[in-house]
Amino acid sequence: MNLKSKISISIIFILLISCSKKQENVSIIKEKNLETQMIEVYNQGMQEFERGDVIYAARKFAEAELLYPQSIWAPRAVLMSAYGYFSQGYYNDAINDLERFLIKYKNHPQTDYAYYLLALCHYDQIVDEKKDLNQIINAKKYFELIVKKFPNTDYAFDSKYKLELIVEIIASKEMYLARYYTKREKWVPAINRYKVVVNKYETTIFVEEALHRLVELHYKLGLTDEAKKYASLLGYNYQSSQWYEASYKILNTNYKRKKINQQDQKETILRKFRKLFK
């Protein structure tokens, strides 16, 4: 290789290095400009949010994320957009934002909040336990996930409380269906629904009535031993309840409620009161 060729190659190499440095500088400047623009749009969204125009704010947050999705502000923008939609009842838009956040920004520090807001989006749409089964199931799924994956957070504490309410709602739905079948004299499906309440939702307020209905229906079908079994269960756990008394009447046709003499009751109370001063 002659001297002229060596000089030509050296010049080309220098030019390439120079061009790459210029490209890198241009790229950095461009990225900085994008981030600056993104922060400006994000701040506009915050201003609109504080003014109360949360829908316009949500659009601004979405615009901010699109400008520079690699920025640390991008996931925050998605969450702010989701919250804006959620606060105004645009649950589907909020759910779309949150599901995208959880896919796109995995292991983000605010993942627990995203799941909690997602659970609330479904929970707040539960209006009628007779119809909103999908919303009930989804809310329950996400609240359970929060309790399991983020047990030491405030979100987990509130999720446990809401799960108790959801269980009550599901039990209420089972009772609604059981009563529906009972009215139409479809005894077997009615019995099955009441059994679900007793076996799966024994901590709810509906379990006493469910036990009584099982006594009632089994007795109606001539299954006296089964009726007695449920009456015993009801008596053991809820002997003082109105449902136990109603079941007792079914199995004891000669049952008469003991009448309390009000005068005797008054005298008993007075005697107890006098003893305090002796």
C-alpha atoms as a PDB file:
ATOM      1  CA  MET A   1       0.000   0.000   0.000  1.00  0.00           C
ATOM      2  CA  ASN A   2       1.547   3.304  -1.104  1.00  0.00           C
ATOM      3  CA  LEU A   3       1.689   6.495   0.917  1.00  0.00           C
ATOM      4  CA  LYS A   4      -1.150   8.124  -1.062  1.00  0.00           C
ATOM      5  CA  SER A   5      -3.501   5.235  -0.281  1.00  0.00           C
ATOM      6  CA  LYS A   6      -2.600   5.348   3.428  1.00  0.00           C
ATOM      7  CA  ILE A   7      -3.335   9.055   3.585  1.00  0.00           C
ATOM      8  CA  SER A   8      -6.719   8.555   1.822  1.00  0.00           C
ATOM      9  CA  ILE A   9      -7.764   5.811   4.258  1.00  0.00           C
ATOM     10  CA  SER A  10      -6.714   7.926   7.248  1.00  0.00           C
ATOM     11  CA  ILE A  11      -8.792  10.859   5.993  1.00  0.00           C
ATOM     12  CA  ILE A  12     -11.866   8.639   5.467  1.00  0.00           C
ATOM     13  CA  PHE A  13     -11.440   7.129   8.984  1.00  0.00           C
ATOM     14  CA  ILE A  14     -11.207  10.590  10.554  1.00  0.00           C
ATOM     15  CA  LEU A  15     -14.296  11.733   8.644  1.00  0.00           C
ATOM     16  CA  LEU A  16     -16.278   8.672   9.809  1.00  0.00           C
ATOM     17  CA  ILE A  17     -15.348   9.288  13.452  1.00  0.00           C
ATOM     18  CA  SER A  18     -16.234  12.926  13.059  1.00  0.00           C
ATOM     19  CA  CYS A  19     -19.627  12.075  11.494  1.00  0.00           C
ATOM     20  CA  SER A  20     -20.457   9.531  14.198  1.00  0.00           C
ATOM     21  CA  LYS A  21     -19.669  12.081  16.898  1.00  0.00           C
ATOM     22  CA  LYS A  22     -21.889  14.641  15.181  1.00  0.00           C
ATOM     23  CA  GLN A  23     -24.693  12.070  14.905  1.00  0.00           C
ATOM     24  CA  GLU A  24     -24.323  11.202  18.584  1.00  0.00           C
ATOM     25  CA  ASN A  25     -24.425  14.874  19.549  1.00  0.00           C
ATOM     26  CA  VAL A  26     -27.466  15.471  17.363  1.00  0.00           C
ATOM     27  CA  SER A  27     -29.159  12.416  18.865  1.00  0.00           C
ATOM     28  CA  ILE A  28     -28.488  13.584  22.433  1.00  0.00           C
ATOM     29  CA  ILE A  29     -29.731  17.086  21.684  1.00  0.00           C
ATOM     30  CA  LYS A  30     -32.819  15.644  20.007  1.00  0.00           C
ATOM     31  CA  GLU A  31     -33.539  13.382  22.983  1.00  0.00           C
ATOM     32  CA  LYS A  32     -33.103  16.246  25.402  1.00  0.00           C
ATOM     33  CA  ASN A  33     -35.487  18.351  23.366  1.00  0.00           C
ATOM     34  CA  LEU A  34     -38.058  15.529  23.371  1.00  0.00           C
ATOM     35  CA  GLU A  35     -37.786  15.118  27.116  1.00  0.00           C
ATOM     36  CA  THR A  36     -38.165  18.858  27.633  1.00  0.00           C
ATOM     37  CA  GLN A  37     -41.243  18.874  25.423  1.00  0.00           C
ATOM     38  CA  MET A  38     -42.611  15.848  27.244  1.00  0.00           C
ATOM     39  CA  ILE A  39     -42.166  17.461  30.680  1.00  0.00           C
ATOM     40  CA  GLU A  40     -43.867  20.620  29.435  1.00  0.00           C
ATOM     41  CA  VAL A  41     -46.872  18.631  28.200  1.00  0.00           C
ATOM     42  CA  TYR A  42     -46.923  16.621  31.447  1.00  0.00           C
ATOM     43  CA  ASN A  43     -46.979  19.845  33.465  1.00  0.00           C
ATOM     44  CA  GLN A  44     -49.822  21.133  31.291  1.00  0.00           C
ATOM     45  CA  GLY A  45     -51.696  17.970  32.146  1.00  0.00           C
ATOM     46  CA  MET A  46     -51.083  18.541  35.864  1.00  0.00           C
ATOM     47  CA  GLN A  47     -52.326  22.116  35.596  1.00  0.00           C
ATOM     48  CA  GLU A  48     -55.523  21.018  33.862  1.00  0.00           C
ATOM     49  CA  PHE A  49     -55.970  18.247  36.415  1.00  0.00           C
ATOM     50  CA  GLU A  50     -55.695  20.725  39.300  1.00  0.00           C
ATOM     51  CA  ARG A  51     -58.209  23.004  37.576  1.00  0.00           C
ATOM     52  CA  GLY A  52     -60.679  20.142  37.429  1.00  0.00           C
ATOM     53  CA  ASP A  53     -60.633  19.373  33.699  1.00  0.00           C
ATOM     54  CA  VAL A  54     -59.411  15.818  34.235  1.00  0.00           C
ATOM     55  CA  ILE A  55     -60.486  14.531  30.823  1.00  0.00           C
ATOM     56  CA  TYR A  56     -58.379  17.108  28.989  1.00  0.00           C
ATOM     57  CA  ALA A  57     -55.608  16.423  31.508  1.00  0.00           C
ATOM     58  CA  ALA A  58     -55.768  12.690  30.676  1.00  0.00           C
ATOM     59  CA  ARG A  59     -55.304  13.504  26.998  1.00  0.00           C
ATOM     60  CA  LYS A  60     -52.281  15.642  27.843  1.00  0.00           C
ATOM     61  CA  PHE A  61     -50.748  12.831  29.898  1.00  0.00           C
ATOM     62  CA  ALA A  62     -51.271  10.433  26.986  1.00  0.00           C
ATOM     63  CA  GLU A  63     -49.621  12.950  24.654  1.00  0.00           C
ATOM     64  CA  ALA A  64     -46.680  13.272  27.052  1.00  0.00           C
ATOM     65  CA  GLU A  65     -46.086   9.531  27.051  1.00  0.00           C
ATOM     66  CA  LEU A  66     -46.194   9.352  23.258  1.00  0.00           C
ATOM     67  CA  LEU A  67     -43.602  12.139  22.954  1.00  0.00           C
ATOM     68  CA  TYR A  68     -40.932  10.319  24.929  1.00  0.00           C
ATOM     69  CA  PRO A  69     -41.950   6.823  26.173  1.00  0.00           C
ATOM     70  CA  GLN A  70     -38.388   6.089  27.414  1.00  0.00           C
ATOM     71  CA  SER A  71     -38.552   8.875  29.986  1.00  0.00           C
ATOM     72  CA  ILE A  72     -39.147   8.179  33.692  1.00  0.00           C
ATOM     73  CA  TRP A  73     -42.129  10.512  33.365  1.00  0.00           C
ATOM     74  CA  ALA A  74     -43.880   8.285  30.823  1.00  0.00           C
ATOM     75  CA  PRO A  75     -45.228   5.651  33.274  1.00  0.00           C
ATOM     76  CA  ARG A  76     -46.289   8.433  35.650  1.00  0.00           C
ATOM     77  CA  ALA A  77     -48.181  10.044  32.797  1.00  0.00           C
ATOM     78  CA  VAL A  78     -50.042   6.781  32.114  1.00  0.00           C
ATOM     79  CA  LEU A  79     -51.039   6.446  35.770  1.00  0.00           C
ATOM     80  CA  MET A  80     -52.208  10.072  35.934  1.00  0.00           C
ATOM     81  CA  SER A  81     -54.218   9.550  32.749  1.00  0.00           C
ATOM     82  CA  ALA A  82     -55.805   6.412  34.214  1.00  0.00           C
ATOM     83  CA  TYR A  83     -56.664   8.181  37.461  1.00  0.00           C
ATOM     84  CA  GLY A  84     -58.201  11.082  35.553  1.00  0.00           C
ATOM     85  CA  TYR A  85     -60.504   8.754  33.630  1.00  0.00           C
ATOM     86  CA  PHE A  86     -61.293   6.748  36.786  1.00  0.00           C
ATOM     87  CA  SER A  87     -62.248   9.834  38.796  1.00  0.00           C
ATOM     88  CA  GLN A  88     -64.859  10.786  36.189  1.00  0.00           C
ATOM     89  CA  GLY A  89     -66.291   7.296  35.777  1.00  0.00           C
ATOM     90  CA  TYR A  90     -64.675   6.546  32.400  1.00  0.00           C
ATOM     91  CA  TYR A  91     -63.763   3.091  33.662  1.00  0.00           C
ATOM     92  CA  ASN A  92     -63.040   1.415  30.327  1.00  0.00           C
ATOM     93  CA  ASP A  93     -60.534   4.139  29.379  1.00  0.00           C
ATOM     94  CA  ALA A  94     -58.896   3.858  32.803  1.00  0.00           C
ATOM     95  CA  ILE A  95     -58.732   0.056  32.521  1.00  0.00           C
ATOM     96  CA  ASN A  96     -57.105   0.309  29.082  1.00  0.00           C
ATOM     97  CA  ASP A  97     -54.436   2.664  30.446  1.00  0.00           C
ATOM     98  CA  LEU A  98     -53.753   0.492  33.486  1.00  0.00           C
ATOM     99  CA  GLU A  99     -53.550  -2.782  31.573  1.00  0.00           C
ATOM    100  CA  ARG A 100     -51.119  -1.149  29.140  1.00  0.00           C
ATOM    101  CA  PHE A 101     -49.070   0.209  32.047  1.00  0.00           C
ATOM    102  CA  LEU A 102     -48.781  -3.233  33.642  1.00  0.00           C
ATOM    103  CA  ILE A 103     -47.605  -4.773  30.360  1.00  0.00           C
ATOM    104  CA  LYS A 104     -45.296  -1.969  29.236  1.00  0.00           C
ATOM    105  CA  TYR A 105     -43.764  -0.909  32.550  1.00  0.00           C
ATOM    106  CA  LYS A 106     -43.256  -4.175  34.412  1.00  0.00           C
ATOM    107  CA  ASN A 107     -41.667  -4.028  37.876  1.00  0.00           C
ATOM    108  CA  HIS A 108     -42.358  -0.305  38.161  1.00  0.00           C
ATOM    109  CA  PRO A 109     -42.335   0.948  41.802  1.00  0.00           C
ATOM    110  CA  GLN A 110     -46.003   1.929  41.508  1.00  0.00           C
ATOM    111  CA  THR A 111     -47.229  -1.410  40.191  1.00  0.00           C
ATOM    112  CA  ASP A 112     -49.141  -1.983  43.439  1.00  0.00           C
ATOM    113  CA  TYR A 113     -51.056   1.253  42.901  1.00  0.00           C
ATOM    114  CA  ALA A 114     -51.835   0.292  39.287  1.00  0.00           C
ATOM    115  CA  TYR A 115     -53.353  -3.018  40.390  1.00  0.00           C
ATOM    116  CA  TYR A 116     -55.320  -1.300  43.159  1.00  0.00           C
ATOM    117  CA  LEU A 117     -56.768   1.288  40.774  1.00  0.00           C
ATOM    118  CA  LEU A 118     -57.571  -1.487  38.305  1.00  0.00           C
ATOM    119  CA  ALA A 119     -59.441  -3.394  41.034  1.00  0.00           C
ATOM    120  CA  LEU A 120     -61.370  -0.230  41.948  1.00  0.00           C
ATOM    121  CA  CYS A 121     -62.367   0.307  38.307  1.00  0.00           C
ATOM    122  CA  HIS A 122     -64.176  -3.047  38.384  1.00  0.00           C
ATOM    123  CA  TYR A 123     -65.401  -2.693  41.979  1.00  0.00           C
ATOM    124  CA  ASP A 124     -67.045   0.691  41.386  1.00  0.00           C
ATOM    125  CA  GLN A 125     -69.030  -0.755  38.480  1.00  0.00           C
ATOM    126  CA  ILE A 126     -70.799  -3.275  40.729  1.00  0.00           C
ATOM    127  CA  VAL A 127     -74.326  -1.899  40.940  1.00  0.00           C
ATOM    128  CA  ASP A 128     -76.544  -4.962  41.013  1.00  0.00           C
ATOM    129  CA  GLU A 129     -75.325  -8.332  42.283  1.00  0.00           C
ATOM    130  CA  LYS A 130     -77.902 -10.005  40.028  1.00  0.00           C
ATOM    131  CA  LYS A 131     -76.209  -8.708  36.848  1.00  0.00           C
ATOM    132  CA  ASP A 132     -72.619  -7.556  37.406  1.00  0.00           C
ATOM    133  CA  LEU A 133     -70.961 -10.965  37.733  1.00  0.00           C
ATOM    134  CA  ASN A 134     -67.961 -10.140  35.496  1.00  0.00           C
ATOM    135  CA  GLN A 135     -67.176  -6.984  37.434  1.00  0.00           C
ATOM    136  CA  ILE A 136     -67.489  -8.879  40.735  1.00  0.00           C
ATOM    137  CA  ILE A 137     -65.130 -11.634  39.528  1.00  0.00           C
ATOM    138  CA  ASN A 138     -62.524  -9.194  38.170  1.00  0.00           C
ATOM    139  CA  ALA A 139     -62.588  -6.999  41.273  1.00  0.00           C
ATOM    140  CA  LYS A 140     -62.169 -10.062  43.485  1.00  0.00           C
ATOM    141  CA  LYS A 141     -59.284 -11.337  41.332  1.00  0.00           C
ATOM    142  CA  TYR A 142     -57.295  -8.095  41.535  1.00  0.00           C
ATOM    143  CA  PHE A 143     -57.950  -7.463  45.231  1.00  0.00           C
ATOM    144  CA  GLU A 144     -56.753 -10.995  46.000  1.00  0.00           C
ATOM    145  CA  LEU A 145     -53.644 -10.390  43.875  1.00  0.00           C
ATOM    146  CA  ILE A 146     -52.857  -7.216  45.834  1.00  0.00           C
ATOM    147  CA  VAL A 147     -53.228  -9.003  49.188  1.00  0.00           C
ATOM    148  CA  LYS A 148     -50.934 -11.791  47.987  1.00  0.00           C
ATOM    149  CA  LYS A 149     -48.241  -9.791  46.157  1.00  0.00           C
ATOM    150  CA  PHE A 150     -48.222  -6.575  48.195  1.00  0.00           C
ATOM    151  CA  PRO A 151     -49.295  -7.680  51.693  1.00  0.00           C
ATOM    152  CA  ASN A 152     -47.593  -4.874  53.640  1.00  0.00           C
ATOM    153  CA  THR A 153     -49.197  -1.962  51.810  1.00  0.00           C
ATOM    154  CA  ASP A 154     -52.191   0.231  52.582  1.00  0.00           C
ATOM    155  CA  TYR A 155     -53.678  -1.087  49.343  1.00  0.00           C
ATOM    156  CA  ALA A 156     -53.655  -4.619  50.793  1.00  0.00           C
ATOM    157  CA  PHE A 157     -55.402  -3.446  53.965  1.00  0.00           C
ATOM    158  CA  ASP A 158     -58.235  -1.833  52.005  1.00  0.00           C
ATOM    159  CA  SER A 159     -58.355  -4.781  49.590  1.00  0.00           C
ATOM    160  CA  LYS A 160     -59.057  -7.175  52.473  1.00  0.00           C
ATOM    161  CA  TYR A 161     -61.975  -5.014  53.573  1.00  0.00           C
ATOM    162  CA  LYS A 162     -63.397  -4.836  50.047  1.00  0.00           C
ATOM    163  CA  LEU A 163     -62.987  -8.591  49.594  1.00  0.00           C
ATOM    164  CA  GLU A 164     -65.258  -9.101  52.613  1.00  0.00           C
ATOM    165  CA  LEU A 165     -67.885  -6.909  50.934  1.00  0.00           C
ATOM    166  CA  ILE A 166     -67.469  -8.789  47.644  1.00  0.00           C
ATOM    167  CA  VAL A 167     -68.036 -12.120  49.415  1.00  0.00           C
ATOM    168  CA  GLU A 168     -71.271 -10.682  50.842  1.00  0.00           C
ATOM    169  CA  ILE A 169     -72.301  -9.611  47.343  1.00  0.00           C
ATOM    170  CA  ILE A 170     -71.593 -13.062  45.869  1.00  0.00           C
ATOM    171  CA  ALA A 171     -73.541 -14.734  48.691  1.00  0.00           C
ATOM    172  CA  SER A 172     -76.387 -12.303  48.033  1.00  0.00           C
ATOM    173  CA  LYS A 173     -76.401 -13.390  44.391  1.00  0.00           C
ATOM    174  CA  GLU A 174     -76.605 -17.052  45.408  1.00  0.00           C
ATOM    175  CA  MET A 175     -79.520 -16.242  47.722  1.00  0.00           C
ATOM    176  CA  TYR A 176     -81.278 -14.363  44.932  1.00  0.00           C
ATOM    177  CA  LEU A 177     -81.012 -17.379  42.636  1.00  0.00           C
ATOM    178  CA  ALA A 178     -82.085 -19.764  45.398  1.00  0.00           C
ATOM    179  CA  ARG A 179     -85.192 -17.681  46.132  1.00  0.00           C
ATOM    180  CA  TYR A 180     -85.922 -17.521  42.397  1.00  0.00           C
ATOM    181  CA  TYR A 181     -85.938 -21.333  42.169  1.00  0.00           C
ATOM    182  CA  THR A 182     -87.930 -21.650  45.393  1.00  0.00           C
ATOM    183  CA  LYS A 183     -90.712 -19.408  44.079  1.00  0.00           C
ATOM    184  CA  ARG A 184     -90.959 -21.599  40.990  1.00  0.00           C
ATOM    185  CA  GLU A 185     -90.968 -24.746  43.137  1.00  0.00           C
ATOM    186  CA  LYS A 186     -87.717 -25.999  41.642  1.00  0.00           C
ATOM    187  CA  TRP A 187     -86.594 -27.543  44.893  1.00  0.00           C
ATOM    188  CA  VAL A 188     -83.361 -29.266  43.883  1.00  0.00           C
ATOM    189  CA  PRO A 189     -81.603 -26.255  42.265  1.00  0.00           C
ATOM    190  CA  ALA A 190     -82.862 -24.097  45.150  1.00  0.00           C
ATOM    191  CA  ILE A 191     -81.356 -26.500  47.696  1.00  0.00           C
ATOM    192  CA  ASN A 192     -78.058 -26.545  45.781  1.00  0.00           C
ATOM    193  CA  ARG A 193     -77.834 -22.741  45.864  1.00  0.00           C
ATOM    194  CA  TYR A 194     -78.542 -22.578  49.589  1.00  0.00           C
ATOM    195  CA  LYS A 195     -75.876 -25.222  50.155  1.00  0.00           C
ATOM    196  CA  VAL A 196     -73.341 -23.063  48.294  1.00  0.00           C
ATOM    197  CA  VAL A 197     -74.039 -20.225  50.734  1.00  0.00           C
ATOM    198  CA  VAL A 198     -73.659 -22.536  53.752  1.00  0.00           C
ATOM    199  CA  ASN A 199     -70.488 -24.248  52.503  1.00  0.00           C
ATOM    200  CA  LYS A 200     -68.629 -21.389  50.806  1.00  0.00           C
ATOM    201  CA  TYR A 201     -69.930 -18.212  52.435  1.00  0.00           C
ATOM    202  CA  GLU A 202     -70.517 -19.284  56.030  1.00  0.00           C
ATOM    203  CA  THR A 203     -69.183 -15.967  57.392  1.00  0.00           C
ATOM    204  CA  THR A 204     -71.786 -13.850  55.604  1.00  0.00           C
ATOM    205  CA  ILE A 205     -75.047 -12.463  56.951  1.00  0.00           C
ATOM    206  CA  PHE A 206     -77.008 -14.858  54.691  1.00  0.00           C
ATOM    207  CA  VAL A 207     -75.926 -18.149  56.224  1.00  0.00           C
ATOM    208  CA  GLU A 208     -78.678 -18.238  58.895  1.00  0.00           C
ATOM    209  CA  GLU A 209     -81.474 -17.821  56.372  1.00  0.00           C
ATOM    210  CA  ALA A 210     -79.815 -20.349  54.044  1.00  0.00           C
ATOM    211  CA  LEU A 211     -79.758 -22.948  56.833  1.00  0.00           C
ATOM    212  CA  HIS A 212     -83.414 -22.284  57.644  1.00  0.00           C
ATOM    213  CA  ARG A 213     -84.408 -22.639  53.982  1.00  0.00           C
ATOM    214  CA  LEU A 214     -82.596 -25.973  53.846  1.00  0.00           C
ATOM    215  CA  VAL A 215     -84.620 -27.128  56.860  1.00  0.00           C
ATOM    216  CA  GLU A 216     -87.801 -25.882  55.211  1.00  0.00           C
ATOM    217  CA  LEU A 217     -87.200 -27.440  51.786  1.00  0.00           C
ATOM    218  CA  HIS A 218     -85.946 -30.797  53.055  1.00  0.00           C
ATOM    219  CA  TYR A 219     -88.968 -31.078  55.369  1.00  0.00           C
ATOM    220  CA  LYS A 220     -91.262 -30.202  52.457  1.00  0.00           C
ATOM    221  CA  LEU A 221     -89.706 -33.029  50.425  1.00  0.00           C
ATOM    222  CA  GLY A 222     -90.154 -35.496  53.288  1.00  0.00           C
ATOM    223  CA  LEU A 223     -86.436 -35.656  54.089  1.00  0.00           C
ATOM    224  CA  THR A 224     -86.902 -35.157  57.809  1.00  0.00           C
ATOM    225  CA  ASP A 225     -83.485 -36.416  58.884  1.00  0.00           C
ATOM    226  CA  GLU A 226     -81.779 -33.951  56.531  1.00  0.00           C
ATOM    227  CA  ALA A 227     -84.027 -31.174  57.828  1.00  0.00           C
ATOM    228  CA  LYS A 228     -83.064 -32.037  61.417  1.00  0.00           C
ATOM    229  CA  LYS A 229     -79.378 -32.002  60.497  1.00  0.00           C
ATOM    230  CA  TYR A 230     -79.555 -28.421  59.229  1.00  0.00           C
ATOM    231  CA  ALA A 231     -81.781 -27.392  62.149  1.00  0.00           C
ATOM    232  CA  SER A 232     -79.160 -28.754  64.569  1.00  0.00           C
ATOM    233  CA  LEU A 233     -76.448 -26.809  62.765  1.00  0.00           C
ATOM    234  CA  LEU A 234     -78.554 -23.667  62.916  1.00  0.00           C
ATOM    235  CA  GLY A 235     -79.341 -24.220  66.595  1.00  0.00           C
ATOM    236  CA  TYR A 236     -75.729 -24.907  67.548  1.00  0.00           C
ATOM    237  CA  ASN A 237     -74.448 -21.702  65.942  1.00  0.00           C
ATOM    238  CA  TYR A 238     -77.443 -19.348  66.022  1.00  0.00           C
ATOM    239  CA  GLN A 239     -79.823 -20.568  68.715  1.00  0.00           C
ATOM    240  CA  SER A 240     -81.051 -17.080  69.542  1.00  0.00           C
ATOM    241  CA  SER A 241     -81.872 -16.077  65.967  1.00  0.00           C
ATOM    242  CA  GLN A 242     -85.311 -15.718  64.403  1.00  0.00           C
ATOM    243  CA  TRP A 243     -84.313 -18.268  61.737  1.00  0.00           C
ATOM    244  CA  TYR A 244     -83.650 -20.930  64.372  1.00  0.00           C
ATOM    245  CA  GLU A 245     -87.042 -20.285  65.920  1.00  0.00           C
ATOM    246  CA  ALA A 246     -88.703 -20.543  62.495  1.00  0.00           C
ATOM    247  CA  SER A 247     -86.928 -23.860  61.849  1.00  0.00           C
ATOM    248  CA  TYR A 248     -87.860 -25.162  65.283  1.00  0.00           C
ATOM    249  CA  LYS A 249     -91.529 -24.438  64.518  1.00  0.00           C
ATOM    250  CA  ILE A 250     -91.313 -26.530  61.334  1.00  0.00           C
ATOM    251  CA  LEU A 251     -89.979 -29.588  63.180  1.00  0.00           C
ATOM    252  CA  ASN A 252     -92.156 -29.059  66.281  1.00  0.00           C
ATOM    253  CA  THR A 253     -95.694 -28.318  65.156  1.00  0.00           C
ATOM    254  CA  ASN A 254     -96.903 -27.941  68.770  1.00  0.00           C
ATOM    255  CA  TYR A 255     -94.305 -25.254  69.502  1.00  0.00           C
ATOM    256  CA  LYS A 256     -95.586 -22.148  71.214  1.00  0.00           C
ATOM    257  CA  ARG A 257     -93.361 -19.241  72.020  1.00  0.00           C
ATOM    258  CA  LYS A 258     -93.190 -18.631  75.727  1.00  0.00           C
ATOM    259  CA  LYS A 259     -94.771 -15.312  76.595  1.00  0.00           C
ATOM    260  CA  ILE A 260     -92.868 -13.107  78.970  1.00  0.00           C
ATOM    261  CA  ASN A 261     -94.945 -11.401  81.624  1.00  0.00           C
ATOM    262  CA  GLN A 262     -93.859  -7.783  81.446  1.00  0.00           C
ATOM    263  CA  GLN A 263     -94.797  -7.173  85.089  1.00  0.00           C
ATOM    264  CA  ASP A 264     -92.627 -10.104  86.228  1.00  0.00           C
ATOM    265  CA  GLN A 265     -89.795  -8.861  84.021  1.00  0.00           C
ATOM    266  CA  LYS A 266     -90.098  -5.375  85.522  1.00  0.00           C
ATOM    267  CA  GLU A 267     -90.022  -6.748  89.086  1.00  0.00           C
ATOM    268  CA  THR A 268     -86.947  -8.869  88.286  1.00  0.00           C
ATOM    269  CA  ILE A 269     -85.086  -5.828  86.972  1.00  0.00           C
ATOM    270  CA  LEU A 270     -86.033  -3.824  90.083  1.00  0.00           C
ATOM    271  CA  ARG A 271     -84.798  -6.610  92.379  1.00  0.00           C
ATOM    272  CA  LYS A 272     -81.438  -6.658  90.566  1.00  0.00           C
ATOM    273  CA  PHE A 273     -81.236  -2.896  90.806  1.00  0.00           C
ATOM    274  CA  ARG A 274     -81.888  -2.906  94.616  1.00  0.00           C
ATOM    275  CA  LYS A 275     -79.122  -5.478  95.159  1.00  0.00           C
ATOM    276  CA  LEU A 276     -76.581  -2.957  93.924  1.00  0.00           C
ATOM    277  CA  PHE A 277     -77.222  -0.830  97.026  1.00  0.00           C
ATOM    278  CA  LYS A 278     -77.225  -3.604  99.651  1.00  0.00           C
END
